[in-house]
PDB file of N, CA and C in Angstrom:
ATOM      1  N   MET A   1      59.655 -25.285 -14.972  1.00  0.00           N
ATOM      2  CA  MET A   1      58.374 -25.601 -15.555  1.00  0.00           C
ATOM      3  C   MET A   1      57.384 -26.086 -14.484  1.00  0.00           C
ATOM      4  N   LYS A   2      57.898 -26.911 -13.554  1.00  0.00           N
ATOM      5  CA  LYS A   2      57.037 -27.418 -12.490  1.00  0.00           C
ATOM      6  C   LYS A   2      56.561 -26.280 -11.596  1.00  0.00           C
ATOM      7  N   LYS A   3      57.434 -25.295 -11.334  1.00  0.00           N
ATOM      8  CA  LYS A   3      57.053 -24.154 -10.502  1.00  0.00           C
ATOM      9  C   LYS A   3      55.956 -23.338 -11.169  1.00  0.00           C
ATOM     10  N   ALA A   4      56.094 -23.112 -12.469  1.00  0.00           N
ATOM     11  CA  ALA A   4      55.083 -22.337 -13.210  1.00  0.00           C
ATOM     12  C   ALA A   4      53.734 -23.049 -13.156  1.00  0.00           C
ATOM     13  N   PHE A   5      53.753 -24.372 -13.309  1.00  0.00           N
ATOM     14  CA  PHE A   5      52.516 -25.137 -13.240  1.00  0.00           C
ATOM     15  C   PHE A   5      51.893 -25.045 -11.845  1.00  0.00           C
ATOM     16  N   ALA A   6      52.732 -25.167 -10.816  1.00  0.00           N
ATOM     17  CA  ALA A   6      52.234 -25.102  -9.440  1.00  0.00           C
ATOM     18  C   ALA A   6      51.638 -23.730  -9.138  1.00  0.00           C
ATOM     19  N   VAL A   7      52.282 -22.663  -9.596  1.00  0.00           N
ATOM     20  CA  VAL A   7      51.766 -21.309  -9.386  1.00  0.00           C
ATOM     21  C   VAL A   7      50.439 -21.134 -10.115  1.00  0.00           C
ATOM     22  N   ALA A   8      50.369 -21.600 -11.346  1.00  0.00           N
ATOM     23  CA  ALA A   8      49.124 -21.490 -12.122  1.00  0.00           C
ATOM     24  C   ALA A   8      48.002 -22.265 -11.446  1.00  0.00           C
ATOM     25  N   LEU A   9      48.327 -23.441 -10.916  1.00  0.00           N
ATOM     26  CA  LEU A   9      47.332 -24.254 -10.222  1.00  0.00           C
ATOM     27  C   LEU A   9      46.818 -23.536  -8.978  1.00  0.00           C
ATOM     28  N   LEU A  10      47.710 -22.960  -8.194  1.00  0.00           N
ATOM     29  CA  LEU A  10      47.311 -22.230  -6.988  1.00  0.00           C
ATOM     30  C   LEU A  10      46.451 -21.016  -7.331  1.00  0.00           C
ATOM     31  N   ILE A  11      46.813 -20.304  -8.373  1.00  0.00           N
ATOM     32  CA  ILE A  11      46.018 -19.136  -8.789  1.00  0.00           C
ATOM     33  C   ILE A  11      44.624 -19.583  -9.210  1.00  0.00           C
ATOM     34  N   GLY A  12      44.546 -20.666  -9.955  1.00  0.00           N
ATOM     35  CA  GLY A  12      43.251 -21.192 -10.384  1.00  0.00           C
ATOM     36  C   GLY A  12      42.381 -21.608  -9.214  1.00  0.00           C
ATOM     37  N   LEU A  13      42.982 -22.275  -8.245  1.00  0.00           N
ATOM     38  CA  LEU A  13      42.231 -22.686  -7.056  1.00  0.00           C
ATOM     39  C   LEU A  13      41.742 -21.479  -6.262  1.00  0.00           C
ATOM     40  N   ALA A  14      42.599 -20.477  -6.107  1.00  0.00           N
ATOM     41  CA  ALA A  14      42.217 -19.273  -5.366  1.00  0.00           C
ATOM     42  C   ALA A  14      41.078 -18.545  -6.062  1.00  0.00           C
ATOM     43  N   ALA A  15      41.148 -18.462  -7.393  1.00  0.00           N
ATOM     44  CA  ALA A  15      40.084 -17.783  -8.151  1.00  0.00           C
ATOM     45  C   ALA A  15      38.772 -18.535  -8.007  1.00  0.00           C
ATOM     46  N   GLY A  16      38.830 -19.847  -8.054  1.00  0.00           N
ATOM     47  CA  GLY A  16      37.619 -20.651  -7.894  1.00  0.00           C
ATOM     48  C   GLY A  16      37.010 -20.484  -6.517  1.00  0.00           C
ATOM     49  N   GLN A  17      37.853 -20.437  -5.503  1.00  0.00           N
ATOM     50  CA  GLN A  17      37.367 -20.250  -4.131  1.00  0.00           C
ATOM     51  C   GLN A  17      36.745 -18.869  -3.965  1.00  0.00           C
ATOM     52  N   ALA A  18      37.348 -17.844  -4.566  1.00  0.00           N
ATOM     53  CA  ALA A  18      36.808 -16.490  -4.477  1.00  0.00           C
ATOM     54  C   ALA A  18      35.448 -16.418  -5.161  1.00  0.00           C
ATOM     55  N   ALA A  19      35.319 -17.070  -6.314  1.00  0.00           N
ATOM     56  CA  ALA A  19      34.031 -17.068  -7.018  1.00  0.00           C
ATOM     57  C   ALA A  19      32.968 -17.788  -6.199  1.00  0.00           C
ATOM     58  N   TRP A  20      33.331 -18.907  -5.578  1.00  0.00           N
ATOM     59  CA  TRP A  20      32.383 -19.630  -4.746  1.00  0.00           C
ATOM     60  C   TRP A  20      31.955 -18.782  -3.562  1.00  0.00           C
ATOM     61  N   ALA A  21      32.908 -18.101  -2.916  1.00  0.00           N
ATOM     62  CA  ALA A  21      32.592 -17.260  -1.760  1.00  0.00           C
ATOM     63  C   ALA A  21      31.651 -16.139  -2.155  1.00  0.00           C
ATOM     64  N   ASP A  22      31.853 -15.555  -3.339  1.00  0.00           N
ATOM     65  CA  ASP A  22      30.983 -14.482  -3.818  1.00  0.00           C
ATOM     66  C   ASP A  22      29.556 -15.001  -4.021  1.00  0.00           C
ATOM     67  N   GLU A  23      29.415 -16.159  -4.636  1.00  0.00           N
ATOM     68  CA  GLU A  23      28.090 -16.743  -4.850  1.00  0.00           C
ATOM     69  C   GLU A  23      27.440 -17.112  -3.525  1.00  0.00           C
ATOM     70  N   TYR A  24      28.232 -17.571  -2.569  1.00  0.00           N
ATOM     71  CA  TYR A  24      27.694 -17.946  -1.267  1.00  0.00           C
ATOM     72  C   TYR A  24      27.131 -16.730  -0.544  1.00  0.00           C
ATOM     73  N   THR A  25      27.840 -15.600  -0.568  1.00  0.00           N
ATOM     74  CA  THR A  25      27.356 -14.416   0.134  1.00  0.00           C
ATOM     75  C   THR A  25      26.147 -13.823  -0.572  1.00  0.00           C
ATOM     76  N   LYS A  26      26.074 -13.952  -1.889  1.00  0.00           N
ATOM     77  CA  LYS A  26      24.901 -13.461  -2.620  1.00  0.00           C
ATOM     78  C   LYS A  26      23.651 -14.236  -2.209  1.00  0.00           C
ATOM     79  N   ALA A  27      23.811 -15.543  -2.018  1.00  0.00           N
ATOM     80  CA  ALA A  27      22.667 -16.396  -1.754  1.00  0.00           C
ATOM     81  C   ALA A  27      22.196 -16.329  -0.301  1.00  0.00           C
ATOM     82  N   ALA A  28      23.023 -15.839   0.592  1.00  0.00           N
ATOM     83  CA  ALA A  28      22.648 -15.788   1.998  1.00  0.00           C
ATOM     84  C   ALA A  28      21.540 -14.761   2.219  1.00  0.00           C
ATOM     85  N   ALA A  29      20.537 -15.143   2.975  1.00  0.00           N
ATOM     86  CA  ALA A  29      19.437 -14.227   3.283  1.00  0.00           C
ATOM     87  C   ALA A  29      19.940 -13.123   4.198  1.00  0.00           C
ATOM     88  N   THR A  30      19.451 -11.929   3.938  1.00  0.00           N
ATOM     89  CA  THR A  30      19.829 -10.765   4.723  1.00  0.00           C
ATOM     90  C   THR A  30      18.558 -10.137   5.270  1.00  0.00           C
ATOM     91  N   GLU A  31      18.662  -9.584   6.477  1.00  0.00           N
ATOM     92  CA  GLU A  31      17.507  -8.918   7.081  1.00  0.00           C
ATOM     93  C   GLU A  31      17.940  -7.555   7.611  1.00  0.00           C
ATOM     94  N   TYR A  32      17.132  -6.558   7.301  1.00  0.00           N
ATOM     95  CA  TYR A  32      17.338  -5.208   7.828  1.00  0.00           C
ATOM     96  C   TYR A  32      16.092  -4.856   8.626  1.00  0.00           C
ATOM     97  N   GLN A  33      16.294  -4.312   9.820  1.00  0.00           N
ATOM     98  CA  GLN A  33      15.168  -3.998  10.688  1.00  0.00           C
ATOM     99  C   GLN A  33      15.077  -2.503  10.941  1.00  0.00           C
ATOM    100  N   LYS A  34      13.842  -2.017  10.912  1.00  0.00           N
ATOM    101  CA  LYS A  34      13.524  -0.619  11.231  1.00  0.00           C
ATOM    102  C   LYS A  34      14.341   0.373  10.409  1.00  0.00           C
ATOM    103  N   VAL A  35      14.373   0.131   9.092  1.00  0.00           N
ATOM    104  CA  VAL A  35      15.064   1.030   8.171  1.00  0.00           C
ATOM    105  C   VAL A  35      14.019   1.833   7.394  1.00  0.00           C
ATOM    106  N   PRO A  36      14.326   3.086   7.041  1.00  0.00           N
ATOM    107  CA  PRO A  36      13.363   3.923   6.325  1.00  0.00           C
ATOM    108  C   PRO A  36      13.048   3.379   4.928  1.00  0.00           C
ATOM    109  N   LEU A  37      11.766   3.340   4.600  1.00  0.00           N
ATOM    110  CA  LEU A  37      11.307   3.015   3.253  1.00  0.00           C
ATOM    111  C   LEU A  37      11.270   4.318   2.469  1.00  0.00           C
ATOM    112  N   ILE A  38      11.927   4.344   1.318  1.00  0.00           N
ATOM    113  CA  ILE A  38      12.006   5.574   0.527  1.00  0.00           C
ATOM    114  C   ILE A  38      11.806   5.243  -0.943  1.00  0.00           C
ATOM    115  N   ASP A  39      11.041   6.089  -1.621  1.00  0.00           N
ATOM    116  CA  ASP A  39      10.911   5.924  -3.067  1.00  0.00           C
ATOM    117  C   ASP A  39      12.118   6.559  -3.747  1.00  0.00           C
ATOM    118  N   LYS A  40      12.462   6.037  -4.892  1.00  0.00           N
ATOM    119  CA  LYS A  40      13.653   6.495  -5.621  1.00  0.00           C
ATOM    120  C   LYS A  40      13.563   7.980  -5.984  1.00  0.00           C
ATOM    121  N   MET A  41      12.370   8.442  -6.329  1.00  0.00           N
ATOM    122  CA  MET A  41      12.195   9.829  -6.764  1.00  0.00           C
ATOM    123  C   MET A  41      12.546  10.828  -5.652  1.00  0.00           C
ATOM    124  N   CYS A  42      12.225  10.510  -4.423  1.00  0.00           N
ATOM    125  CA  CYS A  42      12.422  11.447  -3.309  1.00  0.00           C
ATOM    126  C   CYS A  42      13.704  11.196  -2.513  1.00  0.00           C
ATOM    127  N   LEU A  43      14.518  10.268  -2.937  1.00  0.00           N
ATOM    128  CA  LEU A  43      15.685   9.867  -2.153  1.00  0.00           C
ATOM    129  C   LEU A  43      16.552  11.048  -1.731  1.00  0.00           C
ATOM    130  N   GLU A  44      16.983  11.856  -2.659  1.00  0.00           N
ATOM    131  CA  GLU A  44      17.885  12.962  -2.316  1.00  0.00           C
ATOM    132  C   GLU A  44      17.199  14.009  -1.437  1.00  0.00           C
ATOM    133  N   LYS A  45      15.917  14.209  -1.668  1.00  0.00           N
ATOM    134  CA  LYS A  45      15.165  15.214  -0.913  1.00  0.00           C
ATOM    135  C   LYS A  45      14.981  14.834   0.555  1.00  0.00           C
ATOM    136  N   VAL A  46      14.794  13.543   0.836  1.00  0.00           N
ATOM    137  CA  VAL A  46      14.471  13.123   2.205  1.00  0.00           C
ATOM    138  C   VAL A  46      15.612  12.383   2.906  1.00  0.00           C
ATOM    139  N   LYS A  47      16.719  12.227   2.242  1.00  0.00           N
ATOM    140  CA  LYS A  47      17.840  11.447   2.793  1.00  0.00           C
ATOM    141  C   LYS A  47      18.302  11.951   4.161  1.00  0.00           C
ATOM    142  N   SER A  48      18.290  13.275   4.367  1.00  0.00           N
ATOM    143  CA  SER A  48      18.780  13.827   5.634  1.00  0.00           C
ATOM    144  C   SER A  48      17.799  13.631   6.788  1.00  0.00           C
ATOM    145  N   ASP A  49      16.511  13.466   6.494  1.00  0.00           N
ATOM    146  CA  ASP A  49      15.516  13.241   7.546  1.00  0.00           C
ATOM    147  C   ASP A  49      14.387  12.364   6.998  1.00  0.00           C
ATOM    148  N   PRO A  50      14.667  11.080   6.794  1.00  0.00           N
ATOM    149  CA  PRO A  50      13.690  10.197   6.142  1.00  0.00           C
ATOM    150  C   PRO A  50      12.400   9.981   6.926  1.00  0.00           C
ATOM    151  N   ASP A  51      12.396  10.223   8.231  1.00  0.00           N
ATOM    152  CA  ASP A  51      11.175  10.003   9.011  1.00  0.00           C
ATOM    153  C   ASP A  51      10.096  11.037   8.738  1.00  0.00           C
ATOM    154  N   LYS A  52      10.452  12.152   8.120  1.00  0.00           N
ATOM    155  CA  LYS A  52       9.449  13.156   7.758  1.00  0.00           C
ATOM    156  C   LYS A  52       8.783  12.848   6.417  1.00  0.00           C
ATOM    157  N   HIS A  53       9.285  11.849   5.716  1.00  0.00           N
ATOM    158  CA  HIS A  53       8.708  11.458   4.422  1.00  0.00           C
ATOM    159  C   HIS A  53       7.328  10.857   4.674  1.00  0.00           C
ATOM    160  N   THR A  54       6.317  11.408   4.064  1.00  0.00           N
ATOM    161  CA  THR A  54       4.943  10.996   4.360  1.00  0.00           C
ATOM    162  C   THR A  54       4.513   9.769   3.564  1.00  0.00           C
ATOM    163  N   THR A  55       3.545   9.076   4.117  1.00  0.00           N
ATOM    164  CA  THR A  55       2.955   7.923   3.448  1.00  0.00           C
ATOM    165  C   THR A  55       2.313   8.359   2.137  1.00  0.00           C
ATOM    166  N   LYS A  56       1.682   9.527   2.152  1.00  0.00           N
ATOM    167  CA  LYS A  56       1.037  10.052   0.952  1.00  0.00           C
ATOM    168  C   LYS A  56       2.058  10.243  -0.174  1.00  0.00           C
ATOM    169  N   CYS A  57       3.206  10.817   0.155  1.00  0.00           N
ATOM    170  CA  CYS A  57       4.251  11.025  -0.848  1.00  0.00           C
ATOM    171  C   CYS A  57       4.793   9.683  -1.345  1.00  0.00           C
ATOM    172  N   LEU A  58       5.014   8.757  -0.432  1.00  0.00           N
ATOM    173  CA  LEU A  58       5.488   7.428  -0.829  1.00  0.00           C
ATOM    174  C   LEU A  58       4.523   6.776  -1.828  1.00  0.00           C
ATOM    175  N   ALA A  59       3.236   6.922  -1.575  1.00  0.00           N
ATOM    176  CA  ALA A  59       2.235   6.330  -2.467  1.00  0.00           C
ATOM    177  C   ALA A  59       2.204   7.040  -3.825  1.00  0.00           C
ATOM    178  N   MET A  60       2.327   8.366  -3.816  1.00  0.00           N
ATOM    179  CA  MET A  60       2.283   9.130  -5.076  1.00  0.00           C
ATOM    180  C   MET A  60       3.488   8.830  -5.967  1.00  0.00           C
ATOM    181  N   CYS A  61       4.615   8.503  -5.369  1.00  0.00           N
ATOM    182  CA  CYS A  61       5.853   8.290  -6.131  1.00  0.00           C
ATOM    183  C   CYS A  61       6.143   6.812  -6.371  1.00  0.00           C
ATOM    184  N   ALA A  62       5.133   5.967  -6.264  1.00  0.00           N
ATOM    185  CA  ALA A  62       5.322   4.521  -6.387  1.00  0.00           C
ATOM    186  C   ALA A  62       5.954   4.110  -7.711  1.00  0.00           C
ATOM    187  N   SER A  63       5.671   4.829  -8.771  1.00  0.00           N
ATOM    188  CA  SER A  63       6.178   4.431 -10.092  1.00  0.00           C
ATOM    189  C   SER A  63       7.699   4.502 -10.194  1.00  0.00           C
ATOM    190  N   SER A  64       8.339   5.252  -9.289  1.00  0.00           N
ATOM    191  CA  SER A  64       9.802   5.356  -9.331  1.00  0.00           C
ATOM    192  C   SER A  64      10.484   4.163  -8.666  1.00  0.00           C
ATOM    193  N   GLY A  65       9.719   3.382  -7.902  1.00  0.00           N
ATOM    194  CA  GLY A  65      10.277   2.224  -7.219  1.00  0.00           C
ATOM    195  C   GLY A  65      10.679   2.569  -5.793  1.00  0.00           C
ATOM    196  N   TYR A  66      10.838   1.540  -4.986  1.00  0.00           N
ATOM    197  CA  TYR A  66      11.154   1.714  -3.576  1.00  0.00           C
ATOM    198  C   TYR A  66      12.486   1.075  -3.215  1.00  0.00           C
ATOM    199  N   GLY A  67      12.935   1.421  -2.020  1.00  0.00           N
ATOM    200  CA  GLY A  67      14.132   0.825  -1.455  1.00  0.00           C
ATOM    201  C   GLY A  67      14.242   1.239  -0.007  1.00  0.00           C
ATOM    202  N   VAL A  68      15.333   0.851   0.609  1.00  0.00           N
ATOM    203  CA  VAL A  68      15.578   1.213   2.002  1.00  0.00           C
ATOM    204  C   VAL A  68      16.901   1.964   2.106  1.00  0.00           C
ATOM    205  N   LEU A  69      16.938   2.852   3.098  1.00  0.00           N
ATOM    206  CA  LEU A  69      18.139   3.634   3.363  1.00  0.00           C
ATOM    207  C   LEU A  69      18.815   3.052   4.603  1.00  0.00           C
ATOM    208  N   LEU A  70      20.019   2.544   4.420  1.00  0.00           N
ATOM    209  CA  LEU A  70      20.754   1.946   5.535  1.00  0.00           C
ATOM    210  C   LEU A  70      21.457   3.021   6.356  1.00  0.00           C
ATOM    211  N   GLU A  71      21.889   2.659   7.549  1.00  0.00           N
ATOM    212  CA  GLU A  71      22.531   3.617   8.462  1.00  0.00           C
ATOM    213  C   GLU A  71      23.747   4.286   7.854  1.00  0.00           C
ATOM    214  N   ASP A  72      24.482   3.567   7.000  1.00  0.00           N
ATOM    215  CA  ASP A  72      25.695   4.131   6.407  1.00  0.00           C
ATOM    216  C   ASP A  72      25.411   4.997   5.179  1.00  0.00           C
ATOM    217  N   GLY A  73      24.115   5.224   4.879  1.00  0.00           N
ATOM    218  CA  GLY A  73      23.741   6.068   3.751  1.00  0.00           C
ATOM    219  C   GLY A  73      23.541   5.313   2.448  1.00  0.00           C
ATOM    220  N   THR A  74      23.740   4.007   2.472  1.00  0.00           N
ATOM    221  CA  THR A  74      23.547   3.186   1.280  1.00  0.00           C
ATOM    222  C   THR A  74      22.058   3.023   1.004  1.00  0.00           C
ATOM    223  N   TYR A  75      21.674   3.206  -0.260  1.00  0.00           N
ATOM    224  CA  TYR A  75      20.291   2.993  -0.681  1.00  0.00           C
ATOM    225  C   TYR A  75      20.228   1.681  -1.444  1.00  0.00           C
ATOM    226  N   LEU A  76      19.407   0.761  -0.965  1.00  0.00           N
ATOM    227  CA  LEU A  76      19.194  -0.508  -1.649  1.00  0.00           C
ATOM    228  C   LEU A  76      17.841  -0.466  -2.335  1.00  0.00           C
ATOM    229  N   LYS A  77      17.844  -0.508  -3.659  1.00  0.00           N
ATOM    230  CA  LYS A  77      16.573  -0.484  -4.389  1.00  0.00           C
ATOM    231  C   LYS A  77      15.973  -1.885  -4.404  1.00  0.00           C
ATOM    232  N   PHE A  78      14.656  -1.937  -4.360  1.00  0.00           N
ATOM    233  CA  PHE A  78      13.943  -3.205  -4.350  1.00  0.00           C
ATOM    234  C   PHE A  78      13.778  -3.749  -5.765  1.00  0.00           C
ATOM    235  N   ASP A  79      13.649  -5.065  -5.844  1.00  0.00           N
ATOM    236  CA  ASP A  79      13.251  -5.702  -7.085  1.00  0.00           C
ATOM    237  C   ASP A  79      11.743  -5.471  -7.271  1.00  0.00           C
ATOM    238  N   LYS A  80      11.196  -5.936  -8.378  1.00  0.00           N
ATOM    239  CA  LYS A  80       9.771  -5.702  -8.671  1.00  0.00           C
ATOM    240  C   LYS A  80       8.862  -6.277  -7.582  1.00  0.00           C
ATOM    241  N   ALA A  81       9.179  -7.462  -7.106  1.00  0.00           N
ATOM    242  CA  ALA A  81       8.369  -8.076  -6.037  1.00  0.00           C
ATOM    243  C   ALA A  81       8.412  -7.223  -4.773  1.00  0.00           C
ATOM    244  N   GLY A  82       9.561  -6.638  -4.485  1.00  0.00           N
ATOM    245  CA  GLY A  82       9.689  -5.764  -3.318  1.00  0.00           C
ATOM    246  C   GLY A  82       8.860  -4.505  -3.456  1.00  0.00           C
ATOM    247  N   ASP A  83       8.853  -3.930  -4.675  1.00  0.00           N
ATOM    248  CA  ASP A  83       8.014  -2.756  -4.924  1.00  0.00           C
ATOM    249  C   ASP A  83       6.544  -3.088  -4.690  1.00  0.00           C
ATOM    250  N   GLU A  84       6.128  -4.245  -5.164  1.00  0.00           N
ATOM    251  CA  GLU A  84       4.729  -4.661  -4.992  1.00  0.00           C
ATOM    252  C   GLU A  84       4.388  -4.876  -3.511  1.00  0.00           C
ATOM    253  N   LYS A  85       5.305  -5.460  -2.761  1.00  0.00           N
ATOM    254  CA  LYS A  85       5.082  -5.662  -1.323  1.00  0.00           C
ATOM    255  C   LYS A  85       5.022  -4.312  -0.591  1.00  0.00           C
ATOM    256  N   ALA A  86       5.862  -3.366  -1.004  1.00  0.00           N
ATOM    257  CA  ALA A  86       5.859  -2.032  -0.387  1.00  0.00           C
ATOM    258  C   ALA A  86       4.531  -1.325  -0.647  1.00  0.00           C
ATOM    259  N   ILE A  87       4.041  -1.400  -1.872  1.00  0.00           N
ATOM    260  CA  ILE A  87       2.763  -0.763  -2.216  1.00  0.00           C
ATOM    261  C   ILE A  87       1.638  -1.358  -1.364  1.00  0.00           C
ATOM    262  N   ALA A  88       1.598  -2.675  -1.260  1.00  0.00           N
ATOM    263  CA  ALA A  88       0.552  -3.335  -0.465  1.00  0.00           C
ATOM    264  C   ALA A  88       0.646  -2.925   1.006  1.00  0.00           C
ATOM    265  N   ALA A  89       1.850  -2.854   1.538  1.00  0.00           N
ATOM    266  CA  ALA A  89       2.031  -2.476   2.944  1.00  0.00           C
ATOM    267  C   ALA A  89       1.620  -1.022   3.176  1.00  0.00           C
ATOM    268  N   LEU A  90       1.946  -0.141   2.244  1.00  0.00           N
ATOM    269  CA  LEU A  90       1.559   1.269   2.380  1.00  0.00           C
ATOM    270  C   LEU A  90       0.044   1.433   2.341  1.00  0.00           C
ATOM    271  N   LYS A  91      -0.622   0.659   1.491  1.00  0.00           N
ATOM    272  CA  LYS A  91      -2.082   0.725   1.416  1.00  0.00           C
ATOM    273  C   LYS A  91      -2.733   0.233   2.709  1.00  0.00           C
ATOM    274  N   ALA A  92      -2.058  -0.674   3.407  1.00  0.00           N
ATOM    275  CA  ALA A  92      -2.633  -1.282   4.614  1.00  0.00           C
ATOM    276  C   ALA A  92      -2.314  -0.521   5.899  1.00  0.00           C
ATOM    277  N   THR A  93      -1.412   0.438   5.855  1.00  0.00           N
ATOM    278  CA  THR A  93      -1.015   1.110   7.092  1.00  0.00           C
ATOM    279  C   THR A  93      -1.850   2.354   7.373  1.00  0.00           C
ATOM    280  N   ASP A  94      -1.962   2.680   8.656  1.00  0.00           N
ATOM    281  CA  ASP A  94      -2.627   3.914   9.081  1.00  0.00           C
ATOM    282  C   ASP A  94      -1.605   5.008   9.391  1.00  0.00           C
ATOM    283  N   LYS A  95      -0.323   4.658   9.355  1.00  0.00           N
ATOM    284  CA  LYS A  95       0.720   5.630   9.683  1.00  0.00           C
ATOM    285  C   LYS A  95       0.774   6.727   8.623  1.00  0.00           C
ATOM    286  N   LYS A  96       1.022   7.952   9.068  1.00  0.00           N
ATOM    287  CA  LYS A  96       1.087   9.102   8.158  1.00  0.00           C
ATOM    288  C   LYS A  96       2.520   9.411   7.727  1.00  0.00           C
ATOM    289  N   ASP A  97       3.488   9.060   8.563  1.00  0.00           N
ATOM    290  CA  ASP A  97       4.908   9.286   8.275  1.00  0.00           C
ATOM    291  C   ASP A  97       5.723   8.349   9.147  1.00  0.00           C
ATOM    292  N   HIS A  98       7.030   8.563   9.245  1.00  0.00           N
ATOM    293  CA  HIS A  98       7.915   7.672   9.991  1.00  0.00           C
ATOM    294  C   HIS A  98       7.758   6.226   9.505  1.00  0.00           C
ATOM    295  N   ILE A  99       7.810   6.045   8.201  1.00  0.00           N
ATOM    296  CA  ILE A  99       7.622   4.709   7.635  1.00  0.00           C
ATOM    297  C   ILE A  99       8.955   3.967   7.641  1.00  0.00           C
ATOM    298  N   ARG A 100       9.066   3.090   8.606  1.00  0.00           N
ATOM    299  CA  ARG A 100      10.244   2.223   8.710  1.00  0.00           C
ATOM    300  C   ARG A 100       9.777   0.788   8.543  1.00  0.00           C
ATOM    301  N   VAL A 101      10.624   0.009   7.904  1.00  0.00           N
ATOM    302  CA  VAL A 101      10.256  -1.363   7.590  1.00  0.00           C
ATOM    303  C   VAL A 101      11.328  -2.337   8.063  1.00  0.00           C
ATOM    304  N   SER A 102      10.908  -3.566   8.204  1.00  0.00           N
ATOM    305  CA  SER A 102      11.837  -4.680   8.350  1.00  0.00           C
ATOM    306  C   SER A 102      11.685  -5.493   7.072  1.00  0.00           C
ATOM    307  N   VAL A 103      12.819  -5.776   6.439  1.00  0.00           N
ATOM    308  CA  VAL A 103      12.798  -6.522   5.182  1.00  0.00           C
ATOM    309  C   VAL A 103      13.770  -7.686   5.264  1.00  0.00           C
ATOM    310  N   LYS A 104      13.379  -8.754   4.603  1.00  0.00           N
ATOM    311  CA  LYS A 104      14.236  -9.929   4.526  1.00  0.00           C
ATOM    312  C   LYS A 104      14.310 -10.336   3.068  1.00  0.00           C
ATOM    313  N   GLY A 105      15.499 -10.710   2.641  1.00  0.00           N
ATOM    314  CA  GLY A 105      15.674 -11.136   1.260  1.00  0.00           C
ATOM    315  C   GLY A 105      17.138 -11.315   0.932  1.00  0.00           C
ATOM    316  N   GLU A 106      17.468 -11.149  -0.336  1.00  0.00           N
ATOM    317  CA  GLU A 106      18.840 -11.300  -0.803  1.00  0.00           C
ATOM    318  C   GLU A 106      19.355  -9.986  -1.355  1.00  0.00           C
ATOM    319  N   ARG A 107      20.531  -9.611  -0.906  1.00  0.00           N
ATOM    320  CA  ARG A 107      21.185  -8.416  -1.429  1.00  0.00           C
ATOM    321  C   ARG A 107      22.105  -8.827  -2.571  1.00  0.00           C
ATOM    322  N   ASP A 108      21.963  -8.119  -3.684  1.00  0.00           N
ATOM    323  CA  ASP A 108      22.817  -8.359  -4.843  1.00  0.00           C
ATOM    324  C   ASP A 108      23.309  -7.006  -5.325  1.00  0.00           C
ATOM    325  N   GLY A 109      24.460  -6.594  -4.838  1.00  0.00           N
ATOM    326  CA  GLY A 109      24.983  -5.266  -5.172  1.00  0.00           C
ATOM    327  C   GLY A 109      24.130  -4.203  -4.508  1.00  0.00           C
ATOM    328  N   ASP A 110      23.548  -3.295  -5.329  1.00  0.00           N
ATOM    329  CA  ASP A 110      22.698  -2.238  -4.781  1.00  0.00           C
ATOM    330  C   ASP A 110      21.208  -2.559  -4.921  1.00  0.00           C
ATOM    331  N   THR A 111      20.903  -3.816  -5.231  1.00  0.00           N
ATOM    332  CA  THR A 111      19.514  -4.262  -5.362  1.00  0.00           C
ATOM    333  C   THR A 111      19.194  -5.251  -4.249  1.00  0.00           C
ATOM    334  N   PHE A 112      17.957  -5.165  -3.762  1.00  0.00           N
ATOM    335  CA  PHE A 112      17.508  -6.069  -2.711  1.00  0.00           C
ATOM    336  C   PHE A 112      16.312  -6.852  -3.225  1.00  0.00           C
ATOM    337  N   LYS A 113      16.449  -8.168  -3.275  1.00  0.00           N
ATOM    338  CA  LYS A 113      15.371  -9.057  -3.708  1.00  0.00           C
ATOM    339  C   LYS A 113      14.542  -9.401  -2.476  1.00  0.00           C
ATOM    340  N   VAL A 114      13.394  -8.762  -2.354  1.00  0.00           N
ATOM    341  CA  VAL A 114      12.592  -8.828  -1.133  1.00  0.00           C
ATOM    342  C   VAL A 114      11.761 -10.105  -1.071  1.00  0.00           C
ATOM    343  N   GLU A 115      11.919 -10.825   0.034  1.00  0.00           N
ATOM    344  CA  GLU A 115      11.085 -11.993   0.318  1.00  0.00           C
ATOM    345  C   GLU A 115       9.939 -11.608   1.241  1.00  0.00           C
ATOM    346  N   ASN A 116      10.242 -10.729   2.212  1.00  0.00           N
ATOM    347  CA  ASN A 116       9.247 -10.349   3.207  1.00  0.00           C
ATOM    348  C   ASN A 116       9.468  -8.883   3.578  1.00  0.00           C
ATOM    349  N   LEU A 117       8.379  -8.135   3.708  1.00  0.00           N
ATOM    350  CA  LEU A 117       8.440  -6.725   4.086  1.00  0.00           C
ATOM    351  C   LEU A 117       7.314  -6.432   5.057  1.00  0.00           C
ATOM    352  N   GLN A 118       7.651  -5.735   6.136  1.00  0.00           N
ATOM    353  CA  GLN A 118       6.646  -5.383   7.141  1.00  0.00           C
ATOM    354  C   GLN A 118       6.917  -3.976   7.634  1.00  0.00           C
ATOM    355  N   ILE A 119       5.876  -3.136   7.658  1.00  0.00           N
ATOM    356  CA  ILE A 119       6.005  -1.789   8.214  1.00  0.00           C
ATOM    357  C   ILE A 119       6.015  -1.909   9.732  1.00  0.00           C
ATOM    358  N   GLU A 120       7.003  -1.246  10.350  1.00  0.00           N
ATOM    359  CA  GLU A 120       7.123  -1.276  11.794  1.00  0.00           C
ATOM    360  C   GLU A 120       6.096  -0.325  12.434  1.00  0.00           C
ATOM    361  N   LYS A 121       5.634  -0.686  13.606  1.00  0.00           N
ATOM    362  CA  LYS A 121       4.641   0.137  14.315  1.00  0.00           C
ATOM    363  C   LYS A 121       5.299   1.243  15.075  1.00  0.00           C
TER     364      LYS A 121
END
């Protein structure tokens, strides 16, 4: 009986530690630098060569939402605040294509909660 209690206690402690570690990594700020900004609508079309994606197309497809394409092919979609920051940055840039951004925020699964977004020169 004592062994069963000890095993149950250890399992409970391990589960609690795993849950804490998961929450800790979620809350940690993450930064990605010089990654392609891509709208959700054009993702599959431009995934193989995102630097050819034009600013005009990015602006026209704003309603689908934005995100960034990481080196490993992972697409992180932005939260609403990130979409708004992307729209403002696109309106302010003179670049016609090769839209790469540096973003800082929190990653939660396949969503990125954007705190700061800047188009790279």
